[in-house]
Amino acid sequence: MAKNNKKSTPAKKIVKAAKRVVKTVTEVRNTAIPRLTPAKKPATPLAITQDQIAKRAYEIYASGNGGSDSDNWFRAERELRAGI
């Protein structure tokens, strides 16, 4: 009967140790600039009605800080979409 001689050679030991080290190494970035996270989009687009825009446009007009009718309308729409 032949003996089962399963001795590890020094090279095999080094490879096993290297595999263990590689698994525990974390990624390193050589930059001071932080990673950018992708902007999160809203799950559903905001549904803004014309009534809401008209109400906000009137509020802008009544404040005395508005411009023309169309300027007030576009400003109200921008503000409502931005969530202001």
PDB file of N, CA and C in Angstrom:
ATOM      1  N   MET A   1       0.828  -1.167   0.000  1.00  0.00           N
ATOM      2  CA  MET A   1       0.000   0.000   0.000  1.00  0.00           C
ATOM      3  C   MET A   1       0.878   1.238   0.000  1.00  0.00           C
ATOM      4  N   ALA A   2       0.461   2.162  -0.822  1.00  0.00           N
ATOM      5  CA  ALA A   2       1.213   3.408  -0.889  1.00  0.00           C
ATOM      6  C   ALA A   2       0.691   4.358   0.179  1.00  0.00           C
ATOM      7  N   LYS A   3       1.619   5.054   0.794  1.00  0.00           N
ATOM      8  CA  LYS A   3       1.225   6.022   1.807  1.00  0.00           C
ATOM      9  C   LYS A   3       0.706   7.277   1.130  1.00  0.00           C
ATOM     10  N   ASN A   4      -0.324   7.829   1.716  1.00  0.00           N
ATOM     11  CA  ASN A   4      -0.875   9.079   1.199  1.00  0.00           C
ATOM     12  C   ASN A   4      -0.059  10.215   1.808  1.00  0.00           C
ATOM     13  N   ASN A   5       0.865  10.707   1.037  1.00  0.00           N
ATOM     14  CA  ASN A   5       1.783  11.711   1.531  1.00  0.00           C
ATOM     15  C   ASN A   5       1.273  13.091   1.110  1.00  0.00           C
ATOM     16  N   LYS A   6       0.493  13.744   1.978  1.00  0.00           N
ATOM     17  CA  LYS A   6      -0.104  15.044   1.653  1.00  0.00           C
ATOM     18  C   LYS A   6       0.589  16.156   2.433  1.00  0.00           C
ATOM     19  N   LYS A   7       1.847  16.260   2.274  1.00  0.00           N
ATOM     20  CA  LYS A   7       2.560  17.328   2.938  1.00  0.00           C
ATOM     21  C   LYS A   7       2.463  18.570   2.064  1.00  0.00           C
ATOM     22  N   SER A   8       2.252  19.677   2.689  1.00  0.00           N
ATOM     23  CA  SER A   8       2.195  20.934   1.956  1.00  0.00           C
ATOM     24  C   SER A   8       3.607  21.434   1.720  1.00  0.00           C
ATOM     25  N   THR A   9       3.829  21.833   0.510  1.00  0.00           N
ATOM     26  CA  THR A   9       5.124  22.424   0.193  1.00  0.00           C
ATOM     27  C   THR A   9       5.084  23.882   0.610  1.00  0.00           C
ATOM     28  N   PRO A  10       6.219  24.506   0.817  1.00  0.00           N
ATOM     29  CA  PRO A  10       6.233  25.915   1.205  1.00  0.00           C
ATOM     30  C   PRO A  10       5.504  26.802   0.192  1.00  0.00           C
ATOM     31  N   ALA A  11       5.562  26.481  -1.079  1.00  0.00           N
ATOM     32  CA  ALA A  11       4.889  27.287  -2.104  1.00  0.00           C
ATOM     33  C   ALA A  11       3.373  27.209  -1.915  1.00  0.00           C
ATOM     34  N   LYS A  12       2.851  26.027  -1.616  1.00  0.00           N
ATOM     35  CA  LYS A  12       1.418  25.873  -1.407  1.00  0.00           C
ATOM     36  C   LYS A  12       0.963  26.637  -0.172  1.00  0.00           C
ATOM     37  N   LYS A  13       1.776  26.635   0.864  1.00  0.00           N
ATOM     38  CA  LYS A  13       1.440  27.372   2.071  1.00  0.00           C
ATOM     39  C   LYS A  13       1.367  28.872   1.784  1.00  0.00           C
ATOM     40  N   ILE A  14       2.304  29.345   0.984  1.00  0.00           N
ATOM     41  CA  ILE A  14       2.321  30.768   0.638  1.00  0.00           C
ATOM     42  C   ILE A  14       1.080  31.134  -0.165  1.00  0.00           C
ATOM     43  N   VAL A  15       0.701  30.282  -1.113  1.00  0.00           N
ATOM     44  CA  VAL A  15      -0.479  30.541  -1.937  1.00  0.00           C
ATOM     45  C   VAL A  15      -1.734  30.572  -1.072  1.00  0.00           C
ATOM     46  N   LYS A  16      -1.865  29.625  -0.151  1.00  0.00           N
ATOM     47  CA  LYS A  16      -3.030  29.606   0.734  1.00  0.00           C
ATOM     48  C   LYS A  16      -3.086  30.855   1.602  1.00  0.00           C
ATOM     49  N   ALA A  17      -1.947  31.266   2.130  1.00  0.00           N
ATOM     50  CA  ALA A  17      -1.906  32.461   2.964  1.00  0.00           C
ATOM     51  C   ALA A  17      -2.248  33.700   2.147  1.00  0.00           C
ATOM     52  N   ALA A  18      -1.770  33.757   0.919  1.00  0.00           N
ATOM     53  CA  ALA A  18      -2.056  34.906   0.052  1.00  0.00           C
ATOM     54  C   ALA A  18      -3.541  34.980  -0.264  1.00  0.00           C
ATOM     55  N   LYS A  19      -4.179  33.835  -0.480  1.00  0.00           N
ATOM     56  CA  LYS A  19      -5.617  33.824  -0.766  1.00  0.00           C
ATOM     57  C   LYS A  19      -6.401  34.351   0.422  1.00  0.00           C
ATOM     58  N   ARG A  20      -5.972  33.989   1.641  1.00  0.00           N
ATOM     59  CA  ARG A  20      -6.648  34.490   2.827  1.00  0.00           C
ATOM     60  C   ARG A  20      -6.479  36.002   2.946  1.00  0.00           C
ATOM     61  N   VAL A  21      -5.304  36.494   2.636  1.00  0.00           N
ATOM     62  CA  VAL A  21      -5.039  37.927   2.722  1.00  0.00           C
ATOM     63  C   VAL A  21      -5.836  38.680   1.672  1.00  0.00           C
ATOM     64  N   VAL A  22      -5.906  38.153   0.465  1.00  0.00           N
ATOM     65  CA  VAL A  22      -6.627  38.819  -0.616  1.00  0.00           C
ATOM     66  C   VAL A  22      -8.102  38.951  -0.275  1.00  0.00           C
ATOM     67  N   LYS A  23      -8.660  37.977   0.384  1.00  0.00           N
ATOM     68  CA  LYS A  23     -10.071  38.033   0.737  1.00  0.00           C
ATOM     69  C   LYS A  23     -10.364  39.121   1.770  1.00  0.00           C
ATOM     70  N   THR A  24      -9.386  39.448   2.601  1.00  0.00           N
ATOM     71  CA  THR A  24      -9.628  40.426   3.658  1.00  0.00           C
ATOM     72  C   THR A  24      -9.226  41.846   3.277  1.00  0.00           C
ATOM     73  N   VAL A  25      -8.568  42.027   2.152  1.00  0.00           N
ATOM     74  CA  VAL A  25      -8.123  43.356   1.746  1.00  0.00           C
ATOM     75  C   VAL A  25      -9.305  44.144   1.200  1.00  0.00           C
ATOM     76  N   THR A  26      -9.430  45.381   1.641  1.00  0.00           N
ATOM     77  CA  THR A  26     -10.483  46.244   1.120  1.00  0.00           C
ATOM     78  C   THR A  26      -9.902  47.154   0.049  1.00  0.00           C
ATOM     79  N   GLU A  27     -10.784  47.696  -0.748  1.00  0.00           N
ATOM     80  CA  GLU A  27     -10.355  48.556  -1.841  1.00  0.00           C
ATOM     81  C   GLU A  27      -9.805  49.877  -1.287  1.00  0.00           C
ATOM     82  N   VAL A  28      -8.708  50.327  -1.860  1.00  0.00           N
ATOM     83  CA  VAL A  28      -8.087  51.577  -1.440  1.00  0.00           C
ATOM     84  C   VAL A  28      -8.099  52.530  -2.618  1.00  0.00           C
ATOM     85  N   ARG A  29      -8.544  53.751  -2.352  1.00  0.00           N
ATOM     86  CA  ARG A  29      -8.543  54.789  -3.383  1.00  0.00           C
ATOM     87  C   ARG A  29      -7.493  55.812  -3.007  1.00  0.00           C
ATOM     88  N   ASN A  30      -6.638  56.132  -3.932  1.00  0.00           N
ATOM     89  CA  ASN A  30      -5.586  57.101  -3.675  1.00  0.00           C
ATOM     90  C   ASN A  30      -6.010  58.487  -4.123  1.00  0.00           C
ATOM     91  N   THR A  31      -7.093  58.972  -3.548  1.00  0.00           N
ATOM     92  CA  THR A  31      -7.564  60.308  -3.867  1.00  0.00           C
ATOM     93  C   THR A  31      -8.273  60.887  -2.656  1.00  0.00           C
ATOM     94  N   ALA A  32      -8.195  62.190  -2.545  1.00  0.00           N
ATOM     95  CA  ALA A  32      -8.876  62.861  -1.447  1.00  0.00           C
ATOM     96  C   ALA A  32     -10.304  63.212  -1.824  1.00  0.00           C
ATOM     97  N   ILE A  33     -10.636  63.044  -3.088  1.00  0.00           N
ATOM     98  CA  ILE A  33     -11.971  63.390  -3.572  1.00  0.00           C
ATOM     99  C   ILE A  33     -12.930  62.263  -3.217  1.00  0.00           C
ATOM    100  N   PRO A  34     -14.010  62.555  -2.506  1.00  0.00           N
ATOM    101  CA  PRO A  34     -14.947  61.490  -2.140  1.00  0.00           C
ATOM    102  C   PRO A  34     -15.699  60.980  -3.363  1.00  0.00           C
ATOM    103  N   ARG A  35     -16.157  59.768  -3.269  1.00  0.00           N
ATOM    104  CA  ARG A  35     -16.957  59.197  -4.345  1.00  0.00           C
ATOM    105  C   ARG A  35     -18.288  59.913  -4.433  1.00  0.00           C
ATOM    106  N   LEU A  36     -18.746  60.060  -5.644  1.00  0.00           N
ATOM    107  CA  LEU A  36     -20.053  60.668  -5.850  1.00  0.00           C
ATOM    108  C   LEU A  36     -21.111  59.581  -5.801  1.00  0.00           C
ATOM    109  N   THR A  37     -22.142  59.826  -5.050  1.00  0.00           N
ATOM    110  CA  THR A  37     -23.248  58.894  -5.025  1.00  0.00           C
ATOM    111  C   THR A  37     -24.252  59.343  -6.071  1.00  0.00           C
ATOM    112  N   PRO A  38     -24.821  58.423  -6.802  1.00  0.00           N
ATOM    113  CA  PRO A  38     -25.785  58.828  -7.815  1.00  0.00           C
ATOM    114  C   PRO A  38     -26.998  59.498  -7.189  1.00  0.00           C
ATOM    115  N   ALA A  39     -27.481  60.498  -7.853  1.00  0.00           N
ATOM    116  CA  ALA A  39     -28.653  61.223  -7.347  1.00  0.00           C
ATOM    117  C   ALA A  39     -29.859  60.299  -7.364  1.00  0.00           C
ATOM    118  N   LYS A  40     -30.607  60.327  -6.302  1.00  0.00           N
ATOM    119  CA  LYS A  40     -31.798  59.491  -6.234  1.00  0.00           C
ATOM    120  C   LYS A  40     -32.953  60.206  -6.905  1.00  0.00           C
ATOM    121  N   LYS A  41     -33.581  59.497  -7.812  1.00  0.00           N
ATOM    122  CA  LYS A  41     -34.742  60.053  -8.485  1.00  0.00           C
ATOM    123  C   LYS A  41     -35.976  59.722  -7.661  1.00  0.00           C
ATOM    124  N   PRO A  42     -36.954  60.611  -7.675  1.00  0.00           N
ATOM    125  CA  PRO A  42     -38.180  60.288  -6.949  1.00  0.00           C
ATOM    126  C   PRO A  42     -38.837  59.051  -7.558  1.00  0.00           C
ATOM    127  N   ALA A  43     -39.465  58.277  -6.721  1.00  0.00           N
ATOM    128  CA  ALA A  43     -40.091  57.040  -7.191  1.00  0.00           C
ATOM    129  C   ALA A  43     -41.160  57.325  -8.244  1.00  0.00           C
ATOM    130  N   THR A  44     -41.941  58.348  -8.018  1.00  0.00           N
ATOM    131  CA  THR A  44     -42.956  58.736  -8.987  1.00  0.00           C
ATOM    132  C   THR A  44     -42.808  60.229  -9.260  1.00  0.00           C
ATOM    133  N   PRO A  45     -42.991  60.637 -10.503  1.00  0.00           N
ATOM    134  CA  PRO A  45     -42.885  62.066 -10.789  1.00  0.00           C
ATOM    135  C   PRO A  45     -43.985  62.836 -10.072  1.00  0.00           C
ATOM    136  N   LEU A  46     -43.647  64.051  -9.679  1.00  0.00           N
ATOM    137  CA  LEU A  46     -44.621  64.874  -8.976  1.00  0.00           C
ATOM    138  C   LEU A  46     -45.727  65.293  -9.946  1.00  0.00           C
ATOM    139  N   ALA A  47     -46.947  65.044  -9.560  1.00  0.00           N
ATOM    140  CA  ALA A  47     -48.087  65.426 -10.386  1.00  0.00           C
ATOM    141  C   ALA A  47     -48.578  66.784  -9.903  1.00  0.00           C
ATOM    142  N   ILE A  48     -48.273  67.797 -10.680  1.00  0.00           N
ATOM    143  CA  ILE A  48     -48.669  69.158 -10.331  1.00  0.00           C
ATOM    144  C   ILE A  48     -49.788  69.568 -11.267  1.00  0.00           C
ATOM    145  N   THR A  49     -50.879  70.011 -10.690  1.00  0.00           N
ATOM    146  CA  THR A  49     -52.033  70.399 -11.503  1.00  0.00           C
ATOM    147  C   THR A  49     -51.940  71.870 -11.888  1.00  0.00           C
ATOM    148  N   GLN A  50     -52.713  72.234 -12.910  1.00  0.00           N
ATOM    149  CA  GLN A  50     -52.752  73.626 -13.341  1.00  0.00           C
ATOM    150  C   GLN A  50     -53.350  74.520 -12.257  1.00  0.00           C
ATOM    151  N   ASP A  51     -54.263  73.962 -11.468  1.00  0.00           N
ATOM    152  CA  ASP A  51     -54.843  74.735 -10.374  1.00  0.00           C
ATOM    153  C   ASP A  51     -53.783  75.118  -9.340  1.00  0.00           C
ATOM    154  N   GLN A  52     -52.884  74.168  -9.033  1.00  0.00           N
ATOM    155  CA  GLN A  52     -51.814  74.463  -8.084  1.00  0.00           C
ATOM    156  C   GLN A  52     -50.884  75.540  -8.632  1.00  0.00           C
ATOM    157  N   ILE A  53     -50.556  75.429  -9.921  1.00  0.00           N
ATOM    158  CA  ILE A  53     -49.679  76.423 -10.544  1.00  0.00           C
ATOM    159  C   ILE A  53     -50.351  77.791 -10.544  1.00  0.00           C
ATOM    160  N   ALA A  54     -51.631  77.814 -10.894  1.00  0.00           N
ATOM    161  CA  ALA A  54     -52.360  79.093 -10.944  1.00  0.00           C
ATOM    162  C   ALA A  54     -52.420  79.737  -9.563  1.00  0.00           C
ATOM    163  N   LYS A  55     -52.654  78.930  -8.536  1.00  0.00           N
ATOM    164  CA  LYS A  55     -52.722  79.457  -7.176  1.00  0.00           C
ATOM    165  C   LYS A  55     -51.379  80.052  -6.766  1.00  0.00           C
ATOM    166  N   ARG A  56     -50.297  79.319  -7.051  1.00  0.00           N
ATOM    167  CA  ARG A  56     -48.961  79.822  -6.685  1.00  0.00           C
ATOM    168  C   ARG A  56     -48.605  81.061  -7.512  1.00  0.00           C
ATOM    169  N   ALA A  57     -48.970  81.076  -8.795  1.00  0.00           N
ATOM    170  CA  ALA A  57     -48.697  82.243  -9.634  1.00  0.00           C
ATOM    171  C   ALA A  57     -49.429  83.470  -9.088  1.00  0.00           C
ATOM    172  N   TYR A  58     -50.644  83.283  -8.611  1.00  0.00           N
ATOM    173  CA  TYR A  58     -51.388  84.401  -8.011  1.00  0.00           C
ATOM    174  C   TYR A  58     -50.703  84.872  -6.727  1.00  0.00           C
ATOM    175  N   GLU A  59     -50.202  83.926  -5.932  1.00  0.00           N
ATOM    176  CA  GLU A  59     -49.495  84.298  -4.705  1.00  0.00           C
ATOM    177  C   GLU A  59     -48.257  85.126  -5.035  1.00  0.00           C
ATOM    178  N   ILE A  60     -47.556  84.745  -6.091  1.00  0.00           N
ATOM    179  CA  ILE A  60     -46.371  85.505  -6.515  1.00  0.00           C
ATOM    180  C   ILE A  60     -46.792  86.907  -6.960  1.00  0.00           C
ATOM    181  N   TYR A  61     -47.879  86.986  -7.736  1.00  0.00           N
ATOM    182  CA  TYR A  61     -48.393  88.277  -8.206  1.00  0.00           C
ATOM    183  C   TYR A  61     -48.808  89.156  -7.021  1.00  0.00           C
ATOM    184  N   ALA A  62     -49.509  88.573  -6.065  1.00  0.00           N
ATOM    185  CA  ALA A  62     -50.022  89.327  -4.917  1.00  0.00           C
ATOM    186  C   ALA A  62     -48.900  89.803  -3.988  1.00  0.00           C
ATOM    187  N   SER A  63     -47.754  89.117  -4.020  1.00  0.00           N
ATOM    188  CA  SER A  63     -46.651  89.522  -3.145  1.00  0.00           C
ATOM    189  C   SER A  63     -45.973  90.803  -3.631  1.00  0.00           C
ATOM    190  N   GLY A  64     -46.200  91.142  -4.883  1.00  0.00           N
ATOM    191  CA  GLY A  64     -45.572  92.341  -5.438  1.00  0.00           C
ATOM    192  C   GLY A  64     -44.179  92.086  -5.977  1.00  0.00           C
ATOM    193  N   ASN A  65     -43.696  90.865  -5.876  1.00  0.00           N
ATOM    194  CA  ASN A  65     -42.356  90.527  -6.363  1.00  0.00           C
ATOM    195  C   ASN A  65     -42.388  89.826  -7.709  1.00  0.00           C
ATOM    196  N   GLY A  66     -43.554  89.720  -8.304  1.00  0.00           N
ATOM    197  CA  GLY A  66     -43.684  88.994  -9.558  1.00  0.00           C
ATOM    198  C   GLY A  66     -43.369  89.853 -10.764  1.00  0.00           C
ATOM    199  N   GLY A  67     -43.457  89.227 -11.907  1.00  0.00           N
ATOM    200  CA  GLY A  67     -43.241  89.925 -13.166  1.00  0.00           C
ATOM    201  C   GLY A  67     -44.522  89.891 -13.969  1.00  0.00           C
ATOM    202  N   SER A  68     -44.376  89.531 -15.241  1.00  0.00           N
ATOM    203  CA  SER A  68     -45.560  89.416 -16.085  1.00  0.00           C
ATOM    204  C   SER A  68     -46.328  88.150 -15.720  1.00  0.00           C
ATOM    205  N   ASP A  69     -47.492  88.004 -16.329  1.00  0.00           N
ATOM    206  CA  ASP A  69     -48.315  86.822 -16.040  1.00  0.00           C
ATOM    207  C   ASP A  69     -47.559  85.534 -16.370  1.00  0.00           C
ATOM    208  N   SER A  70     -46.926  85.519 -17.545  1.00  0.00           N
ATOM    209  CA  SER A  70     -46.213  84.300 -17.945  1.00  0.00           C
ATOM    210  C   SER A  70     -44.990  84.065 -17.054  1.00  0.00           C
ATOM    211  N   ASP A  71     -44.294  85.138 -16.650  1.00  0.00           N
ATOM    212  CA  ASP A  71     -43.158  84.981 -15.734  1.00  0.00           C
ATOM    213  C   ASP A  71     -43.618  84.365 -14.408  1.00  0.00           C
ATOM    214  N   ASN A  72     -44.726  84.865 -13.895  1.00  0.00           N
ATOM    215  CA  ASN A  72     -45.256  84.324 -12.640  1.00  0.00           C
ATOM    216  C   ASN A  72     -45.645  82.854 -12.795  1.00  0.00           C
ATOM    217  N   TRP A  73     -46.241  82.516 -13.928  1.00  0.00           N
ATOM    218  CA  TRP A  73     -46.665  81.138 -14.188  1.00  0.00           C
ATOM    219  C   TRP A  73     -45.455  80.207 -14.216  1.00  0.00           C
ATOM    220  N   PHE A  74     -44.419  80.580 -14.976  1.00  0.00           N
ATOM    221  CA  PHE A  74     -43.234  79.724 -15.092  1.00  0.00           C
ATOM    222  C   PHE A  74     -42.490  79.621 -13.762  1.00  0.00           C
ATOM    223  N   ARG A  75     -42.437  80.724 -13.031  1.00  0.00           N
ATOM    224  CA  ARG A  75     -41.792  80.703 -11.722  1.00  0.00           C
ATOM    225  C   ARG A  75     -42.549  79.785 -10.764  1.00  0.00           C
ATOM    226  N   ALA A  76     -43.872  79.884 -10.786  1.00  0.00           N
ATOM    227  CA  ALA A  76     -44.695  79.016  -9.914  1.00  0.00           C
ATOM    228  C   ALA A  76     -44.486  77.546 -10.274  1.00  0.00           C
ATOM    229  N   GLU A  77     -44.440  77.263 -11.557  1.00  0.00           N
ATOM    230  CA  GLU A  77     -44.237  75.868 -11.998  1.00  0.00           C
ATOM    231  C   GLU A  77     -42.871  75.354 -11.536  1.00  0.00           C
ATOM    232  N   ARG A  78     -41.833  76.178 -11.710  1.00  0.00           N
ATOM    233  CA  ARG A  78     -40.485  75.773 -11.265  1.00  0.00           C
ATOM    234  C   ARG A  78     -40.454  75.507  -9.762  1.00  0.00           C
ATOM    235  N   GLU A  79     -41.049  76.405  -9.013  1.00  0.00           N
ATOM    236  CA  GLU A  79     -41.044  76.260  -7.557  1.00  0.00           C
ATOM    237  C   GLU A  79     -41.788  75.000  -7.112  1.00  0.00           C
ATOM    238  N   LEU A  80     -42.917  74.729  -7.725  1.00  0.00           N
ATOM    239  CA  LEU A  80     -43.700  73.548  -7.345  1.00  0.00           C
ATOM    240  C   LEU A  80     -42.965  72.263  -7.714  1.00  0.00           C
ATOM    241  N   ARG A  81     -42.314  72.249  -8.870  1.00  0.00           N
ATOM    242  CA  ARG A  81     -41.567  71.047  -9.270  1.00  0.00           C
ATOM    243  C   ARG A  81     -40.350  70.823  -8.375  1.00  0.00           C
ATOM    244  N   ALA A  82     -39.749  71.911  -7.905  1.00  0.00           N
ATOM    245  CA  ALA A  82     -38.579  71.789  -7.021  1.00  0.00           C
ATOM    246  C   ALA A  82     -38.998  71.436  -5.595  1.00  0.00           C
ATOM    247  N   GLY A  83     -40.272  71.577  -5.296  1.00  0.00           N
ATOM    248  CA  GLY A  83     -40.761  71.240  -3.969  1.00  0.00           C
ATOM    249  C   GLY A  83     -40.609  72.361  -2.963  1.00  0.00           C
ATOM    250  N   ILE A  84     -40.506  73.564  -3.454  1.00  0.00           N
ATOM    251  CA  ILE A  84     -40.351  74.726  -2.556  1.00  0.00           C
ATOM    252  C   ILE A  84     -41.682  75.076  -1.940  1.00  0.00           C
TER     253      ILE A  84
END
